[in-house]
Amino acid sequence: MSRVFAYCRVSTADQITQNQSLEIDAAGFAIQPHRLVEETISGSLAAKQRPEFIKLVDRLEKGDVLVVTKLDRLGRNAMDVRATVEHLAVLGVRVHCLALGGVDLTSPAGKMTMQVIAAVAEFERDLLIERTQAGIIRAKAAGKRCGRPPSLNAAEQASVAERLGAGNSVAKTARDFGTTRQTILRIRDTACAS
């Protein structure tokens, strides 16, 4: 027989999970108190990083049902929700979301819903990449240097190139300048390419 669990989450200590548990009860799910998992933690944290949710997943077995009031209880964004639902499906756990009409997200209709969520997640990811790339291009056009600042200034880099040209080893030059071999190799490769 399937065991039914509920996961109720709020973001701050001044909020309570009671409304969620009442909504789950009103939907016809009689959750035993020891199977009602409540957590107060920011929604910005991925589900797999939430202590009570982690403990809940450890308790779930094949055939169990997990009920949530809204999808955002399961993750911080569409990608996280999708990953969480897919992980639970692999475990054989059915996931019911009341905000989606109580649909089982692991059923055929639920899988279709998850496909839409996956498309939204991919769209979100693509938009984020696009905005990031546009920001980098704008910054470069404005003359800003992107990435970590160089560990050696221009004069030190010129001195490194001279020493390497005179036959000094990469390791010794790195020690002399208090930097890594990779930095010296990068300067050498840049000098050779010029």
C-alpha atoms as a PDB file:
ATOM      1  CA  MET A   1       0.000   0.000   0.000  1.00  0.00           C
ATOM      2  CA  SER A   2       1.244   3.470  -0.903  1.00  0.00           C
ATOM      3  CA  ARG A   3       2.341   5.761   1.844  1.00  0.00           C
ATOM      4  CA  VAL A   4       1.441   9.425   1.393  1.00  0.00           C
ATOM      5  CA  PHE A   5       3.831  12.182   2.443  1.00  0.00           C
ATOM      6  CA  ALA A   6       3.458  15.950   2.270  1.00  0.00           C
ATOM      7  CA  TYR A   7       6.176  18.560   2.001  1.00  0.00           C
ATOM      8  CA  CYS A   8       5.309  22.056   3.192  1.00  0.00           C
ATOM      9  CA  ARG A   9       7.866  24.837   2.974  1.00  0.00           C
ATOM     10  CA  VAL A  10       7.903  28.498   3.922  1.00  0.00           C
ATOM     11  CA  SER A  11      10.719  30.957   3.382  1.00  0.00           C
ATOM     12  CA  THR A  12      10.878  32.863   6.664  1.00  0.00           C
ATOM     13  CA  ALA A  13      10.364  32.153  10.351  1.00  0.00           C
ATOM     14  CA  ASP A  14       7.404  34.551  10.569  1.00  0.00           C
ATOM     15  CA  GLN A  15       5.465  32.402   8.057  1.00  0.00           C
ATOM     16  CA  ILE A  16       3.692  29.149   8.896  1.00  0.00           C
ATOM     17  CA  THR A  17       3.091  25.981   6.905  1.00  0.00           C
ATOM     18  CA  GLN A  18      -0.384  25.447   8.340  1.00  0.00           C
ATOM     19  CA  ASN A  19      -2.156  26.854   5.259  1.00  0.00           C
ATOM     20  CA  GLN A  20      -0.372  24.346   3.048  1.00  0.00           C
ATOM     21  CA  SER A  21      -1.203  21.383   5.284  1.00  0.00           C
ATOM     22  CA  LEU A  22      -4.864  22.500   5.451  1.00  0.00           C
ATOM     23  CA  GLU A  23      -4.985  22.782   1.656  1.00  0.00           C
ATOM     24  CA  ILE A  24      -3.553  19.267   1.312  1.00  0.00           C
ATOM     25  CA  ASP A  25      -6.112  17.944   3.815  1.00  0.00           C
ATOM     26  CA  ALA A  26      -8.964  19.723   1.991  1.00  0.00           C
ATOM     27  CA  ALA A  27      -7.846  18.061  -1.259  1.00  0.00           C
ATOM     28  CA  GLY A  28      -8.551  14.683   0.338  1.00  0.00           C
ATOM     29  CA  PHE A  29      -5.070  13.617   1.368  1.00  0.00           C
ATOM     30  CA  ALA A  30      -5.078  12.359   4.952  1.00  0.00           C
ATOM     31  CA  ILE A  31      -1.447  12.792   5.890  1.00  0.00           C
ATOM     32  CA  GLN A  32      -0.307  11.160   9.099  1.00  0.00           C
ATOM     33  CA  PRO A  33       1.600  13.632  11.309  1.00  0.00           C
ATOM     34  CA  HIS A  34       4.882  11.709  11.034  1.00  0.00           C
ATOM     35  CA  ARG A  35       4.641  11.921   7.229  1.00  0.00           C
ATOM     36  CA  LEU A  36       4.102  15.684   7.133  1.00  0.00           C
ATOM     37  CA  VAL A  37       7.479  17.346   6.554  1.00  0.00           C
ATOM     38  CA  GLU A  38       7.643  21.060   7.275  1.00  0.00           C
ATOM     39  CA  GLU A  39      10.608  23.275   6.552  1.00  0.00           C
ATOM     40  CA  THR A  40      11.453  26.932   6.945  1.00  0.00           C
ATOM     41  CA  ILE A  41      14.113  27.704   4.380  1.00  0.00           C
ATOM     42  CA  SER A  42      14.563  30.120   1.498  1.00  0.00           C
ATOM     43  CA  GLY A  43      13.172  29.046  -1.842  1.00  0.00           C
ATOM     44  CA  SER A  44      16.380  30.298  -3.437  1.00  0.00           C
ATOM     45  CA  LEU A  45      18.104  27.173  -2.132  1.00  0.00           C
ATOM     46  CA  ALA A  46      17.927  24.114  -4.402  1.00  0.00           C
ATOM     47  CA  ALA A  47      15.756  21.249  -3.128  1.00  0.00           C
ATOM     48  CA  LYS A  48      18.760  18.925  -2.869  1.00  0.00           C
ATOM     49  CA  GLN A  49      20.336  21.408  -0.420  1.00  0.00           C
ATOM     50  CA  ARG A  50      17.351  21.635   1.952  1.00  0.00           C
ATOM     51  CA  PRO A  51      17.993  19.550   5.094  1.00  0.00           C
ATOM     52  CA  GLU A  52      14.396  18.442   5.763  1.00  0.00           C
ATOM     53  CA  PHE A  53      13.726  17.700   2.100  1.00  0.00           C
ATOM     54  CA  ILE A  54      16.887  15.579   1.958  1.00  0.00           C
ATOM     55  CA  LYS A  55      15.695  13.590   5.000  1.00  0.00           C
ATOM     56  CA  LEU A  56      12.278  13.185   3.360  1.00  0.00           C
ATOM     57  CA  VAL A  57      13.752  11.817   0.127  1.00  0.00           C
ATOM     58  CA  ASP A  58      15.789   9.343   2.188  1.00  0.00           C
ATOM     59  CA  ARG A  59      12.528   8.058   3.730  1.00  0.00           C
ATOM     60  CA  LEU A  60      10.632   7.712   0.449  1.00  0.00           C
ATOM     61  CA  GLU A  61      10.234   4.279  -1.138  1.00  0.00           C
ATOM     62  CA  LYS A  62       8.958   2.984  -4.438  1.00  0.00           C
ATOM     63  CA  GLY A  63       5.177   3.431  -4.645  1.00  0.00           C
ATOM     64  CA  ASP A  64       5.048   6.324  -2.168  1.00  0.00           C
ATOM     65  CA  VAL A  65       3.220   9.556  -2.984  1.00  0.00           C
ATOM     66  CA  LEU A  66       4.542  13.035  -2.263  1.00  0.00           C
ATOM     67  CA  VAL A  67       2.029  15.880  -2.161  1.00  0.00           C
ATOM     68  CA  VAL A  68       2.897  19.559  -2.473  1.00  0.00           C
ATOM     69  CA  THR A  69       0.633  22.579  -2.819  1.00  0.00           C
ATOM     70  CA  LYS A  70       2.701  24.332  -5.497  1.00  0.00           C
ATOM     71  CA  LEU A  71       5.606  23.461  -7.765  1.00  0.00           C
ATOM     72  CA  ASP A  72       7.833  26.092  -6.153  1.00  0.00           C
ATOM     73  CA  ARG A  73       7.849  23.960  -2.984  1.00  0.00           C
ATOM     74  CA  LEU A  74       9.985  21.470  -4.965  1.00  0.00           C
ATOM     75  CA  GLY A  75      12.673  23.796  -6.256  1.00  0.00           C
ATOM     76  CA  ARG A  76      14.036  27.266  -6.762  1.00  0.00           C
ATOM     77  CA  ASN A  77      13.274  27.460 -10.502  1.00  0.00           C
ATOM     78  CA  ALA A  78      11.895  25.370 -13.347  1.00  0.00           C
ATOM     79  CA  MET A  79      15.197  23.552 -13.869  1.00  0.00           C
ATOM     80  CA  ASP A  80      15.443  22.610 -10.185  1.00  0.00           C
ATOM     81  CA  VAL A  81      11.790  21.481 -10.058  1.00  0.00           C
ATOM     82  CA  ARG A  82      12.300  19.330 -13.137  1.00  0.00           C
ATOM     83  CA  ALA A  83      15.438  17.720 -11.686  1.00  0.00           C
ATOM     84  CA  THR A  84      13.664  17.067  -8.375  1.00  0.00           C
ATOM     85  CA  VAL A  85      10.602  15.473 -10.009  1.00  0.00           C
ATOM     86  CA  GLU A  86      12.790  13.354 -12.314  1.00  0.00           C
ATOM     87  CA  HIS A  87      14.842  12.162  -9.314  1.00  0.00           C
ATOM     88  CA  LEU A  88      11.670  11.217  -7.420  1.00  0.00           C
ATOM     89  CA  ALA A  89      10.286   9.434 -10.502  1.00  0.00           C
ATOM     90  CA  VAL A  90      13.468   7.345 -10.724  1.00  0.00           C
ATOM     91  CA  LEU A  91      12.870   6.352  -7.092  1.00  0.00           C
ATOM     92  CA  GLY A  92       9.328   5.289  -8.033  1.00  0.00           C
ATOM     93  CA  VAL A  93       7.698   8.115  -6.071  1.00  0.00           C
ATOM     94  CA  ARG A  94       4.576   9.758  -7.506  1.00  0.00           C
ATOM     95  CA  VAL A  95       4.420  13.533  -7.060  1.00  0.00           C
ATOM     96  CA  HIS A  96       1.059  15.311  -6.771  1.00  0.00           C
ATOM     97  CA  CYS A  97       0.882  19.086  -7.126  1.00  0.00           C
ATOM     98  CA  LEU A  98      -2.385  20.645  -5.966  1.00  0.00           C
ATOM     99  CA  ALA A  99      -1.837  23.902  -7.890  1.00  0.00           C
ATOM    100  CA  LEU A 100      -1.865  21.865 -11.113  1.00  0.00           C
ATOM    101  CA  GLY A 101      -5.189  20.263 -10.279  1.00  0.00           C
ATOM    102  CA  GLY A 102      -3.630  17.499  -8.217  1.00  0.00           C
ATOM    103  CA  VAL A 103      -1.932  16.028 -11.268  1.00  0.00           C
ATOM    104  CA  ASP A 104       0.580  13.260 -10.636  1.00  0.00           C
ATOM    105  CA  LEU A 105       3.718  14.692 -12.223  1.00  0.00           C
ATOM    106  CA  THR A 106       4.988  11.178 -12.957  1.00  0.00           C
ATOM    107  CA  SER A 107       1.806  10.146 -14.869  1.00  0.00           C
ATOM    108  CA  PRO A 108       1.450  10.652 -18.647  1.00  0.00           C
ATOM    109  CA  ALA A 109      -0.393  13.979 -18.114  1.00  0.00           C
ATOM    110  CA  GLY A 110       2.166  14.935 -15.499  1.00  0.00           C
ATOM    111  CA  LYS A 111       5.015  14.022 -17.812  1.00  0.00           C
ATOM    112  CA  MET A 112       3.507  16.307 -20.444  1.00  0.00           C
ATOM    113  CA  THR A 113       3.335  19.057 -17.824  1.00  0.00           C
ATOM    114  CA  MET A 114       6.968  18.361 -16.958  1.00  0.00           C
ATOM    115  CA  GLN A 115       7.865  18.608 -20.668  1.00  0.00           C
ATOM    116  CA  VAL A 116       6.350  22.102 -20.687  1.00  0.00           C
ATOM    117  CA  ILE A 117       8.273  22.901 -17.508  1.00  0.00           C
ATOM    118  CA  ALA A 118      11.438  21.540 -19.117  1.00  0.00           C
ATOM    119  CA  ALA A 119      10.875  23.761 -22.155  1.00  0.00           C
ATOM    120  CA  VAL A 120      10.423  26.761 -19.859  1.00  0.00           C
ATOM    121  CA  ALA A 121      13.562  25.776 -17.940  1.00  0.00           C
ATOM    122  CA  GLU A 122      15.567  25.529 -21.156  1.00  0.00           C
ATOM    123  CA  PHE A 123      14.177  28.883 -22.269  1.00  0.00           C
ATOM    124  CA  GLU A 124      15.167  30.434 -18.909  1.00  0.00           C
ATOM    125  CA  ARG A 125      18.670  28.974 -19.227  1.00  0.00           C
ATOM    126  CA  ASP A 126      19.059  30.219 -22.810  1.00  0.00           C
ATOM    127  CA  LEU A 127      17.902  33.704 -21.818  1.00  0.00           C
ATOM    128  CA  LEU A 128      20.369  33.753 -18.927  1.00  0.00           C
ATOM    129  CA  ILE A 129      23.232  32.737 -21.237  1.00  0.00           C
ATOM    130  CA  GLU A 130      22.163  35.319 -23.808  1.00  0.00           C
ATOM    131  CA  ARG A 131      21.993  38.112 -21.199  1.00  0.00           C
ATOM    132  CA  THR A 132      25.361  37.102 -19.752  1.00  0.00           C
ATOM    133  CA  GLN A 133      27.028  37.112 -23.169  1.00  0.00           C
ATOM    134  CA  ALA A 134      25.451  40.464 -24.064  1.00  0.00           C
ATOM    135  CA  GLY A 135      26.716  41.905 -20.766  1.00  0.00           C
ATOM    136  CA  ILE A 136      30.250  40.660 -21.441  1.00  0.00           C
ATOM    137  CA  ILE A 137      30.203  42.156 -24.953  1.00  0.00           C
ATOM    138  CA  ARG A 138      28.939  45.488 -23.567  1.00  0.00           C
ATOM    139  CA  ALA A 139      31.619  45.501 -20.872  1.00  0.00           C
ATOM    140  CA  LYS A 140      34.380  44.740 -23.370  1.00  0.00           C
ATOM    141  CA  ALA A 141      33.089  47.449 -25.737  1.00  0.00           C
ATOM    142  CA  ALA A 142      33.239  49.896 -22.815  1.00  0.00           C
ATOM    143  CA  GLY A 143      36.889  48.966 -22.310  1.00  0.00           C
ATOM    144  CA  LYS A 144      36.385  46.884 -19.184  1.00  0.00           C
ATOM    145  CA  ARG A 145      38.561  43.853 -18.723  1.00  0.00           C
ATOM    146  CA  CYS A 146      36.618  40.677 -18.056  1.00  0.00           C
ATOM    147  CA  GLY A 147      37.780  37.908 -15.785  1.00  0.00           C
ATOM    148  CA  ARG A 148      40.286  37.821 -12.985  1.00  0.00           C
ATOM    149  CA  PRO A 149      42.966  40.529 -13.029  1.00  0.00           C
ATOM    150  CA  PRO A 150      46.407  39.346 -14.141  1.00  0.00           C
ATOM    151  CA  SER A 151      48.728  38.333 -11.316  1.00  0.00           C
ATOM    152  CA  LEU A 152      51.631  40.173 -12.968  1.00  0.00           C
ATOM    153  CA  ASN A 153      51.475  43.712 -14.336  1.00  0.00           C
ATOM    154  CA  ALA A 154      52.678  44.641 -17.842  1.00  0.00           C
ATOM    155  CA  ALA A 155      56.243  45.469 -16.714  1.00  0.00           C
ATOM    156  CA  GLU A 156      56.552  42.169 -14.828  1.00  0.00           C
ATOM    157  CA  GLN A 157      55.185  40.262 -17.836  1.00  0.00           C
ATOM    158  CA  ALA A 158      57.809  41.923 -20.068  1.00  0.00           C
ATOM    159  CA  SER A 159      60.533  40.965 -17.577  1.00  0.00           C
ATOM    160  CA  VAL A 160      59.246  37.362 -17.533  1.00  0.00           C
ATOM    161  CA  ALA A 161      59.366  37.231 -21.339  1.00  0.00           C
ATOM    162  CA  GLU A 162      62.954  38.565 -21.284  1.00  0.00           C
ATOM    163  CA  ARG A 163      64.081  35.986 -18.724  1.00  0.00           C
ATOM    164  CA  LEU A 164      62.477  33.144 -20.639  1.00  0.00           C
ATOM    165  CA  GLY A 165      64.081  34.441 -23.835  1.00  0.00           C
ATOM    166  CA  ALA A 166      67.448  34.398 -22.038  1.00  0.00           C
ATOM    167  CA  GLY A 167      66.971  30.710 -21.213  1.00  0.00           C
ATOM    168  CA  ASN A 168      65.629  30.831 -17.635  1.00  0.00           C
ATOM    169  CA  SER A 169      63.398  27.901 -16.728  1.00  0.00           C
ATOM    170  CA  VAL A 170      59.661  28.311 -16.286  1.00  0.00           C
ATOM    171  CA  ALA A 171      59.786  26.923 -12.728  1.00  0.00           C
ATOM    172  CA  LYS A 172      62.604  29.248 -11.608  1.00  0.00           C
ATOM    173  CA  THR A 173      60.915  32.269 -13.205  1.00  0.00           C
ATOM    174  CA  ALA A 174      57.653  31.385 -11.446  1.00  0.00           C
ATOM    175  CA  ARG A 175      59.474  31.173  -8.099  1.00  0.00           C
ATOM    176  CA  ASP A 176      61.281  34.467  -8.706  1.00  0.00           C
ATOM    177  CA  PHE A 177      58.002  36.271  -9.430  1.00  0.00           C
ATOM    178  CA  GLY A 178      56.003  34.468  -6.738  1.00  0.00           C
ATOM    179  CA  THR A 179      53.432  33.125  -9.162  1.00  0.00           C
ATOM    180  CA  THR A 180      52.418  29.833 -10.741  1.00  0.00           C
ATOM    181  CA  ARG A 181      54.007  27.943 -13.606  1.00  0.00           C
ATOM    182  CA  GLN A 182      50.738  28.284 -15.516  1.00  0.00           C
ATOM    183  CA  THR A 183      50.997  32.076 -15.375  1.00  0.00           C
ATOM    184  CA  ILE A 184      54.562  31.963 -16.718  1.00  0.00           C
ATOM    185  CA  LEU A 185      53.547  29.482 -19.446  1.00  0.00           C
ATOM    186  CA  ARG A 186      50.661  31.764 -20.466  1.00  0.00           C
ATOM    187  CA  ILE A 187      53.043  34.734 -20.760  1.00  0.00           C
ATOM    188  CA  ARG A 188      55.502  32.587 -22.760  1.00  0.00           C
ATOM    189  CA  ASP A 189      52.769  31.401 -25.120  1.00  0.00           C
ATOM    190  CA  THR A 190      51.474  34.953 -25.602  1.00  0.00           C
ATOM    191  CA  ALA A 191      54.996  36.191 -26.339  1.00  0.00           C
ATOM    192  CA  CYS A 192      55.579  33.375 -28.854  1.00  0.00           C
ATOM    193  CA  ALA A 193      52.281  34.097 -30.615  1.00  0.00           C
ATOM    194  CA  SER A 194      53.154  37.787 -31.057  1.00  0.00           C
END
